[in-house]
Amino acid sequence: MSDIIEPDVTLDQQFIDFAKMSDPKGRDGKTIDLYMTDYWMRQAGVLNDRVVTTTDTGIAFFKFEKTEINYEEFEEYLKDLAETKHLILDDLVSALCKCGLPGTVPVRVPQYREYFLTWKPKNRLMVVPDDPKKY
């Protein structure tokens, strides 16, 4: 969580701020894309690649069959994500509201290389019987 918390920040205000963040087109904040929702959820500590992954957010996002969604669709997206991942919607919304303004907290986006650096073969992850003929 951020030390810099804006007082009485609402979800729609945060939506506009994150939708406008780092966009060279100068968006008006009415729509947001998947990359920015993932960034927002990482900043809020919701997207942690354990309980909620980018695959989960992508599946929920692309149910709208669009590259960008508006605020009403974003609310539906959050409801669907909370239901699918067994999260409490109010806690999810609270985390998104209290995470601070975009860019105020460092967000680490993992790279695919990290997966391969920590990869272990299956035989090291599971118990292998001494005598395979027994099983």
Protein backbone atom coordinates (compact mmCIF):
# COMPACT_ATOMS: atom_id res chain seq x y z
CA MET A 1 0.00 0.00 0.00
CA SER A 2 1.00 3.56 -0.50
CA ASP A 3 2.04 6.08 2.13
CA ILE A 4 0.44 8.72 -0.08
CA ILE A 5 -3.29 8.12 0.20
CA GLU A 6 -5.66 10.63 -1.31
CA PRO A 7 -8.57 11.43 1.00
CA ASP A 8 -12.00 10.18 -0.12
CA VAL A 9 -10.84 8.87 -3.47
CA THR A 10 -13.59 7.07 -5.36
CA LEU A 11 -13.29 4.24 -7.82
CA ASP A 12 -14.48 6.38 -10.73
CA GLN A 13 -11.84 9.05 -9.96
CA GLN A 14 -9.14 6.40 -9.86
CA PHE A 15 -10.51 4.90 -13.09
CA ILE A 16 -10.09 8.24 -14.88
CA ASP A 17 -6.58 8.79 -13.51
CA PHE A 18 -5.34 5.31 -14.43
CA ALA A 19 -7.02 5.48 -17.84
CA LYS A 20 -5.14 8.71 -18.62
CA MET A 21 -1.78 7.55 -17.25
CA SER A 22 1.19 7.48 -19.63
CA ASP A 23 -0.87 7.70 -22.77
CA PRO A 24 0.66 9.69 -25.62
CA LYS A 25 -2.76 10.02 -27.32
CA GLY A 26 -4.03 12.28 -24.55
CA ARG A 27 -7.05 10.20 -23.60
CA ASP A 28 -10.03 11.68 -21.83
CA GLY A 29 -10.23 8.89 -19.24
CA LYS A 30 -13.53 7.42 -20.40
CA THR A 31 -12.05 4.03 -21.39
CA ILE A 32 -9.23 1.88 -20.05
CA ASP A 33 -7.31 -0.99 -21.62
CA LEU A 34 -6.16 -4.29 -20.14
CA TYR A 35 -2.55 -3.18 -19.65
CA MET A 36 -3.59 -0.23 -17.49
CA THR A 37 -6.04 -2.33 -15.44
CA ASP A 38 -3.25 -4.82 -14.77
CA TYR A 39 -0.90 -1.99 -13.80
CA TRP A 40 -3.56 -0.56 -11.47
CA MET A 41 -4.15 -3.95 -9.86
CA ARG A 42 -0.42 -4.47 -9.39
CA GLN A 43 -0.13 -1.08 -7.72
CA ALA A 44 -3.05 -2.00 -5.43
CA GLY A 45 -1.50 -5.37 -4.60
CA VAL A 46 -4.41 -7.32 -6.09
CA LEU A 47 -2.57 -8.80 -9.08
CA ASN A 48 0.18 -10.84 -7.45
CA ASP A 49 0.65 -13.74 -9.92
CA ARG A 50 -0.42 -16.23 -7.24
CA VAL A 51 -4.09 -15.70 -6.39
CA VAL A 52 -4.89 -13.37 -9.30
CA THR A 53 -2.83 -13.65 -12.48
CA THR A 54 -2.69 -11.77 -15.75
CA THR A 55 -4.43 -14.75 -17.35
CA ASP A 56 -7.36 -14.29 -14.96
CA THR A 57 -7.62 -10.58 -15.71
CA GLY A 58 -7.29 -11.21 -19.44
CA ILE A 59 -10.09 -13.78 -19.50
CA ALA A 60 -12.39 -11.48 -17.53
CA PHE A 61 -11.48 -8.47 -19.71
CA PHE A 62 -11.92 -10.12 -23.09
CA LYS A 63 -15.41 -11.32 -22.26
CA PHE A 64 -16.35 -7.82 -23.45
CA GLU A 65 -14.71 -8.53 -26.84
CA LYS A 66 -13.11 -5.07 -26.88
CA THR A 67 -9.62 -3.66 -26.43
CA GLU A 68 -10.91 -0.90 -24.13
CA ILE A 69 -13.83 -0.80 -21.69
CA ASN A 70 -15.75 2.07 -20.12
CA TYR A 71 -16.46 2.58 -16.41
CA GLU A 72 -19.73 0.62 -16.33
CA GLU A 73 -18.06 -2.33 -18.06
CA PHE A 74 -15.13 -2.00 -15.67
CA GLU A 75 -17.50 -2.46 -12.73
CA GLU A 76 -18.86 -5.63 -14.37
CA TYR A 77 -15.26 -6.75 -15.00
CA LEU A 78 -14.46 -6.37 -11.29
CA LYS A 79 -17.60 -8.29 -10.28
CA ASP A 80 -16.72 -11.12 -12.65
CA LEU A 81 -13.10 -11.23 -11.47
CA ALA A 82 -14.16 -11.25 -7.80
CA GLU A 83 -16.68 -14.02 -8.42
CA THR A 84 -14.26 -16.14 -10.45
CA LYS A 85 -11.35 -15.82 -8.02
CA HIS A 86 -13.52 -15.96 -4.86
CA LEU A 87 -12.57 -12.44 -3.75
CA ILE A 88 -14.69 -10.04 -1.72
CA LEU A 89 -15.77 -7.29 -4.12
CA ASP A 90 -15.75 -4.56 -1.45
CA ASP A 91 -12.17 -5.43 -0.47
CA LEU A 92 -11.13 -5.40 -4.12
CA VAL A 93 -12.70 -1.98 -4.70
CA SER A 94 -11.19 -0.66 -1.47
CA ALA A 95 -7.70 -1.77 -2.50
CA LEU A 96 -8.11 -0.11 -5.90
CA CYS A 97 -9.26 3.14 -4.27
CA LYS A 98 -6.54 3.26 -1.61
CA CYS A 99 -3.53 2.42 -3.75
CA GLY A 100 -2.68 6.04 -4.46
CA LEU A 101 -2.46 8.01 -7.65
CA PRO A 102 -0.94 6.34 -10.71
CA GLY A 103 2.83 6.18 -10.48
CA THR A 104 3.09 7.17 -6.80
CA VAL A 105 4.05 3.62 -5.81
CA PRO A 106 6.74 1.64 -7.65
CA VAL A 107 5.15 -1.20 -9.59
CA ARG A 108 7.26 -4.20 -10.52
CA VAL A 109 6.02 -5.93 -13.64
CA PRO A 110 7.62 -9.40 -13.81
CA GLN A 111 9.33 -10.45 -17.00
CA TYR A 112 9.09 -13.86 -18.64
CA ARG A 113 12.81 -14.38 -18.05
CA GLU A 114 12.15 -14.67 -14.31
CA TYR A 115 9.95 -17.69 -14.96
CA PHE A 116 12.74 -19.50 -16.75
CA LEU A 117 15.35 -18.55 -14.15
CA THR A 118 13.24 -20.15 -11.41
CA TRP A 119 11.96 -23.08 -13.47
CA LYS A 120 12.38 -26.58 -12.04
CA PRO A 121 11.77 -29.86 -13.84
CA LYS A 122 8.71 -31.86 -12.82
CA ASN A 123 10.76 -34.60 -11.20
CA ARG A 124 12.15 -32.05 -8.73
CA LEU A 125 8.67 -30.71 -7.92
CA MET A 126 6.99 -34.02 -7.11
CA VAL A 127 7.89 -37.08 -5.10
CA VAL A 128 9.27 -39.83 -7.32
CA PRO A 129 8.89 -43.39 -5.98
CA ASP A 130 12.06 -45.44 -5.43
CA ASP A 131 10.71 -48.40 -7.35
CA PRO A 132 8.49 -47.36 -10.28
CA LYS A 133 7.23 -50.96 -10.69
CA LYS A 134 5.37 -50.69 -7.34
CA TYR A 135 3.07 -48.06 -8.70
